[in-house]
């Protein structure tokens, strides 16, 4: 079993993820080439995702 997390903390993480998802989508729309998305942003997104406990990850 995983320890229950503070709801506010969960919401904060989800809000952050949605924000970065929107940022990446905006970049994709502007450039029309996914390859031009800064690798740093993608790595940052993956890092955030990795730090979120499994039950919270949206499938």
PDB file of N, CA and C in Angstrom:
ATOM      1  N   UNK A   1       0.843  -1.207   0.000  1.00  0.00           N
ATOM      2  CA  UNK A   1       0.000   0.000   0.000  1.00  0.00           C
ATOM      3  C   UNK A   1       0.872   1.249   0.000  1.00  0.00           C
ATOM      4  N   UNK A   2       0.393   2.260  -0.700  1.00  0.00           N
ATOM      5  CA  UNK A   2       1.128   3.511  -0.713  1.00  0.00           C
ATOM      6  C   UNK A   2       0.467   4.481   0.255  1.00  0.00           C
ATOM      7  N   UNK A   3       1.275   5.302   0.880  1.00  0.00           N
ATOM      8  CA  UNK A   3       0.756   6.268   1.841  1.00  0.00           C
ATOM      9  C   UNK A   3      -0.109   7.304   1.133  1.00  0.00           C
ATOM     10  N   UNK A   4      -1.254   7.634   1.730  1.00  0.00           N
ATOM     11  CA  UNK A   4      -2.110   8.658   1.122  1.00  0.00           C
ATOM     12  C   UNK A   4      -1.378   9.990   1.065  1.00  0.00           C
ATOM     13  N   UNK A   5      -1.542  10.698  -0.035  1.00  0.00           N
ATOM     14  CA  UNK A   5      -0.886  11.991  -0.175  1.00  0.00           C
ATOM     15  C   UNK A   5      -1.862  13.113   0.104  1.00  0.00           C
ATOM     16  N   UNK A   6      -1.309  14.244   0.526  1.00  0.00           N
ATOM     17  CA  UNK A   6      -2.112  15.435   0.740  1.00  0.00           C
ATOM     18  C   UNK A   6      -2.779  15.816  -0.578  1.00  0.00           C
ATOM     19  N   UNK A   7      -4.074  16.012  -0.539  1.00  0.00           N
ATOM     20  CA  UNK A   7      -4.840  16.307  -1.750  1.00  0.00           C
ATOM     21  C   UNK A   7      -4.336  17.557  -2.464  1.00  0.00           C
ATOM     22  N   UNK A   8      -3.957  18.553  -1.681  1.00  0.00           N
ATOM     23  CA  UNK A   8      -3.456  19.798  -2.273  1.00  0.00           C
ATOM     24  C   UNK A   8      -2.171  19.533  -3.043  1.00  0.00           C
ATOM     25  N   UNK A   9      -1.335  18.659  -2.502  1.00  0.00           N
ATOM     26  CA  UNK A   9      -0.072  18.321  -3.159  1.00  0.00           C
ATOM     27  C   UNK A   9      -0.341  17.612  -4.481  1.00  0.00           C
ATOM     28  N   UNK A  10      -1.302  16.708  -4.457  1.00  0.00           N
ATOM     29  CA  UNK A  10      -1.689  15.988  -5.674  1.00  0.00           C
ATOM     30  C   UNK A  10      -2.157  16.971  -6.739  1.00  0.00           C
ATOM     31  N   UNK A  11      -3.042  17.874  -6.341  1.00  0.00           N
ATOM     32  CA  UNK A  11      -3.568  18.860  -7.284  1.00  0.00           C
ATOM     33  C   UNK A  11      -2.461  19.736  -7.839  1.00  0.00           C
ATOM     34  N   UNK A  12      -1.498  20.075  -6.975  1.00  0.00           N
ATOM     35  CA  UNK A  12      -0.377  20.912  -7.405  1.00  0.00           C
ATOM     36  C   UNK A  12       0.416  20.206  -8.499  1.00  0.00           C
ATOM     37  N   UNK A  13       0.683  18.913  -8.293  1.00  0.00           N
ATOM     38  CA  UNK A  13       1.428  18.138  -9.292  1.00  0.00           C
ATOM     39  C   UNK A  13       0.659  18.040 -10.604  1.00  0.00           C
ATOM     40  N   UNK A  14      -0.625  17.757 -10.506  1.00  0.00           N
ATOM     41  CA  UNK A  14      -1.442  17.619 -11.710  1.00  0.00           C
ATOM     42  C   UNK A  14      -1.528  18.937 -12.468  1.00  0.00           C
ATOM     43  N   UNK A  15      -1.656  20.028 -11.721  1.00  0.00           N
ATOM     44  CA  UNK A  15      -1.707  21.351 -12.353  1.00  0.00           C
ATOM     45  C   UNK A  15      -0.409  21.623 -13.083  1.00  0.00           C
ATOM     46  N   UNK A  16       0.709  21.262 -12.444  1.00  0.00           N
ATOM     47  CA  UNK A  16       2.022  21.480 -13.055  1.00  0.00           C
ATOM     48  C   UNK A  16       2.157  20.662 -14.337  1.00  0.00           C
ATOM     49  N   UNK A  17       1.714  19.406 -14.283  1.00  0.00           N
ATOM     50  CA  UNK A  17       1.785  18.540 -15.460  1.00  0.00           C
ATOM     51  C   UNK A  17       0.929  19.077 -16.600  1.00  0.00           C
ATOM     52  N   UNK A  18      -0.281  19.527 -16.258  1.00  0.00           N
ATOM     53  CA  UNK A  18      -1.163  20.068 -17.295  1.00  0.00           C
ATOM     54  C   UNK A  18      -0.557  21.312 -17.909  1.00  0.00           C
ATOM     55  N   UNK A  19       0.074  22.130 -17.069  1.00  0.00           N
ATOM     56  CA  UNK A  19       0.715  23.350 -17.560  1.00  0.00           C
ATOM     57  C   UNK A  19       1.799  23.014 -18.571  1.00  0.00           C
ATOM     58  N   UNK A  20       2.667  22.072 -18.223  1.00  0.00           N
ATOM     59  CA  UNK A  20       3.764  21.721 -19.128  1.00  0.00           C
ATOM     60  C   UNK A  20       3.266  21.024 -20.382  1.00  0.00           C
ATOM     61  N   UNK A  21       2.197  20.258 -20.239  1.00  0.00           N
ATOM     62  CA  UNK A  21       1.604  19.611 -21.409  1.00  0.00           C
ATOM     63  C   UNK A  21       1.115  20.682 -22.381  1.00  0.00           C
ATOM     64  N   UNK A  22       0.492  21.731 -21.829  1.00  0.00           N
ATOM     65  CA  UNK A  22      -0.002  22.822 -22.657  1.00  0.00           C
ATOM     66  C   UNK A  22       1.153  23.558 -23.318  1.00  0.00           C
ATOM     67  N   UNK A  23       2.225  23.785 -22.550  1.00  0.00           N
ATOM     68  CA  UNK A  23       3.409  24.463 -23.089  1.00  0.00           C
ATOM     69  C   UNK A  23       3.971  23.682 -24.272  1.00  0.00           C
ATOM     70  N   UNK A  24       4.122  22.374 -24.094  1.00  0.00           N
ATOM     71  CA  UNK A  24       4.670  21.541 -25.166  1.00  0.00           C
ATOM     72  C   UNK A  24       3.749  21.519 -26.381  1.00  0.00           C
ATOM     73  N   UNK A  25       2.447  21.492 -26.136  1.00  0.00           N
ATOM     74  CA  UNK A  25       1.494  21.510 -27.247  1.00  0.00           C
ATOM     75  C   UNK A  25       1.599  22.826 -28.011  1.00  0.00           C
ATOM     76  N   UNK A  26       1.740  23.922 -27.270  1.00  0.00           N
ATOM     77  CA  UNK A  26       1.879  25.234 -27.908  1.00  0.00           C
ATOM     78  C   UNK A  26       3.129  25.277 -28.776  1.00  0.00           C
ATOM     79  N   UNK A  27       4.219  24.709 -28.267  1.00  0.00           N
ATOM     80  CA  UNK A  27       5.473  24.684 -29.028  1.00  0.00           C
ATOM     81  C   UNK A  27       5.276  23.868 -30.302  1.00  0.00           C
ATOM     82  N   UNK A  28       4.614  22.728 -30.180  1.00  0.00           N
ATOM     83  CA  UNK A  28       4.358  21.881 -31.345  1.00  0.00           C
ATOM     84  C   UNK A  28       3.539  22.611 -32.398  1.00  0.00           C
ATOM     85  N   UNK A  29       2.532  23.332 -31.960  1.00  0.00           N
ATOM     86  CA  UNK A  29       1.674  24.069 -32.890  1.00  0.00           C
ATOM     87  C   UNK A  29       2.468  25.158 -33.603  1.00  0.00           C
ATOM     88  N   UNK A  30       3.303  25.862 -32.847  1.00  0.00           N
ATOM     89  CA  UNK A  30       4.084  26.953 -33.428  1.00  0.00           C
ATOM     90  C   UNK A  30       5.076  26.448 -34.465  1.00  0.00           C
ATOM     91  N   UNK A  31       5.755  25.352 -34.153  1.00  0.00           N
ATOM     92  CA  UNK A  31       6.827  24.875 -35.032  1.00  0.00           C
ATOM     93  C   UNK A  31       6.365  23.836 -36.044  1.00  0.00           C
ATOM     94  N   UNK A  32       5.243  23.174 -35.753  1.00  0.00           N
ATOM     95  CA  UNK A  32       4.730  22.113 -36.620  1.00  0.00           C
ATOM     96  C   UNK A  32       5.708  20.946 -36.739  1.00  0.00           C
ATOM     97  N   UNK A  33       6.761  20.962 -35.940  1.00  0.00           N
ATOM     98  CA  UNK A  33       7.741  19.871 -35.973  1.00  0.00           C
ATOM     99  C   UNK A  33       8.048  19.450 -34.539  1.00  0.00           C
ATOM    100  N   UNK A  34       7.539  18.300 -34.095  1.00  0.00           N
ATOM    101  CA  UNK A  34       7.800  17.822 -32.734  1.00  0.00           C
ATOM    102  C   UNK A  34       9.286  17.731 -32.415  1.00  0.00           C
ATOM    103  N   UNK A  35      10.119  17.517 -33.437  1.00  0.00           N
ATOM    104  CA  UNK A  35      11.556  17.369 -33.216  1.00  0.00           C
ATOM    105  C   UNK A  35      12.171  18.661 -32.683  1.00  0.00           C
ATOM    106  N   UNK A  36      11.472  19.777 -32.890  1.00  0.00           N
ATOM    107  CA  UNK A  36      12.023  21.057 -32.453  1.00  0.00           C
ATOM    108  C   UNK A  36      11.673  21.388 -31.006  1.00  0.00           C
ATOM    109  N   UNK A  37      10.903  20.513 -30.369  1.00  0.00           N
ATOM    110  CA  UNK A  37      10.605  20.731 -28.958  1.00  0.00           C
ATOM    111  C   UNK A  37      11.908  20.616 -28.173  1.00  0.00           C
ATOM    112  N   UNK A  38      12.203  21.608 -27.333  1.00  0.00           N
ATOM    113  CA  UNK A  38      13.454  21.564 -26.561  1.00  0.00           C
ATOM    114  C   UNK A  38      13.546  20.281 -25.741  1.00  0.00           C
ATOM    115  N   UNK A  39      14.661  19.590 -25.860  1.00  0.00           N
ATOM    116  CA  UNK A  39      14.830  18.326 -25.142  1.00  0.00           C
ATOM    117  C   UNK A  39      14.792  18.551 -23.632  1.00  0.00           C
ATOM    118  N   UNK A  40      15.247  19.712 -23.189  1.00  0.00           N
ATOM    119  CA  UNK A  40      15.232  20.015 -21.761  1.00  0.00           C
ATOM    120  C   UNK A  40      13.824  19.977 -21.197  1.00  0.00           C
ATOM    121  N   UNK A  41      12.865  20.504 -21.961  1.00  0.00           N
ATOM    122  CA  UNK A  41      11.479  20.529 -21.506  1.00  0.00           C
ATOM    123  C   UNK A  41      10.927  19.112 -21.380  1.00  0.00           C
ATOM    124  N   UNK A  42      11.237  18.272 -22.365  1.00  0.00           N
ATOM    125  CA  UNK A  42      10.762  16.893 -22.330  1.00  0.00           C
ATOM    126  C   UNK A  42      11.386  16.138 -21.158  1.00  0.00           C
ATOM    127  N   UNK A  43      12.663  16.348 -20.944  1.00  0.00           N
ATOM    128  CA  UNK A  43      13.354  15.679 -19.842  1.00  0.00           C
ATOM    129  C   UNK A  43      12.758  16.120 -18.508  1.00  0.00           C
ATOM    130  N   UNK A  44      12.439  17.416 -18.414  1.00  0.00           N
ATOM    131  CA  UNK A  44      11.848  17.955 -17.194  1.00  0.00           C
ATOM    132  C   UNK A  44      10.483  17.315 -16.935  1.00  0.00           C
ATOM    133  N   UNK A  45       9.710  17.185 -18.005  1.00  0.00           N
ATOM    134  CA  UNK A  45       8.389  16.557 -17.896  1.00  0.00           C
ATOM    135  C   UNK A  45       8.505  15.117 -17.420  1.00  0.00           C
ATOM    136  N   UNK A  46       9.460  14.388 -18.003  1.00  0.00           N
ATOM    137  CA  UNK A  46       9.657  12.992 -17.623  1.00  0.00           C
ATOM    138  C   UNK A  46      10.097  12.889 -16.167  1.00  0.00           C
ATOM    139  N   UNK A  47      10.927  13.840 -15.748  1.00  0.00           N
ATOM    140  CA  UNK A  47      11.416  13.841 -14.372  1.00  0.00           C
ATOM    141  C   UNK A  47      10.257  14.058 -13.403  1.00  0.00           C
ATOM    142  N   UNK A  48       9.382  15.011 -13.719  1.00  0.00           N
ATOM    143  CA  UNK A  48       8.219  15.271 -12.877  1.00  0.00           C
ATOM    144  C   UNK A  48       7.340  14.027 -12.806  1.00  0.00           C
ATOM    145  N   UNK A  49       7.093  13.426 -13.953  1.00  0.00           N
ATOM    146  CA  UNK A  49       6.239  12.243 -14.010  1.00  0.00           C
ATOM    147  C   UNK A  49       6.817  11.106 -13.177  1.00  0.00           C
ATOM    148  N   UNK A  50       8.126  10.961 -13.233  1.00  0.00           N
ATOM    149  CA  UNK A  50       8.789   9.880 -12.504  1.00  0.00           C
ATOM    150  C   UNK A  50       8.661  10.068 -10.996  1.00  0.00           C
ATOM    151  N   UNK A  51       8.528  11.333 -10.562  1.00  0.00           N
ATOM    152  CA  UNK A  51       8.456  11.622  -9.135  1.00  0.00           C
ATOM    153  C   UNK A  51       7.052  11.473  -8.566  1.00  0.00           C
ATOM    154  N   UNK A  52       6.066  11.281  -9.426  1.00  0.00           N
ATOM    155  CA  UNK A  52       4.690  11.127  -8.964  1.00  0.00           C
ATOM    156  C   UNK A  52       4.399   9.646  -8.742  1.00  0.00           C
ATOM    157  N   UNK A  53       3.869   9.319  -7.558  1.00  0.00           N
ATOM    158  CA  UNK A  53       3.559   7.912  -7.253  1.00  0.00           C
ATOM    159  C   UNK A  53       2.642   7.308  -8.308  1.00  0.00           C
ATOM    160  N   UNK A  54       2.847   6.043  -8.596  1.00  0.00           N
ATOM    161  CA  UNK A  54       2.106   5.345  -9.643  1.00  0.00           C
ATOM    162  C   UNK A  54       0.584   5.557  -9.627  1.00  0.00           C
ATOM    163  N   UNK A  55      -0.064   5.445  -8.459  1.00  0.00           N
ATOM    164  CA  UNK A  55      -1.536   5.564  -8.455  1.00  0.00           C
ATOM    165  C   UNK A  55      -2.036   6.912  -8.965  1.00  0.00           C
ATOM    166  N   UNK A  56      -1.169   7.926  -8.946  1.00  0.00           N
ATOM    167  CA  UNK A  56      -1.602   9.256  -9.358  1.00  0.00           C
ATOM    168  C   UNK A  56      -1.432   9.494 -10.848  1.00  0.00           C
ATOM    169  N   UNK A  57      -0.642   8.666 -11.492  1.00  0.00           N
ATOM    170  CA  UNK A  57      -0.397   8.866 -12.921  1.00  0.00           C
ATOM    171  C   UNK A  57      -1.661   8.614 -13.727  1.00  0.00           C
ATOM    172  N   UNK A  58      -1.966   9.528 -14.628  1.00  0.00           N
ATOM    173  CA  UNK A  58      -3.141   9.360 -15.475  1.00  0.00           C
ATOM    174  C   UNK A  58      -2.809   8.423 -16.621  1.00  0.00           C
ATOM    175  N   UNK A  59      -3.676   7.423 -16.824  1.00  0.00           N
ATOM    176  CA  UNK A  59      -3.405   6.458 -17.887  1.00  0.00           C
ATOM    177  C   UNK A  59      -4.200   6.795 -19.125  1.00  0.00           C
TER     178      UNK A  59
END
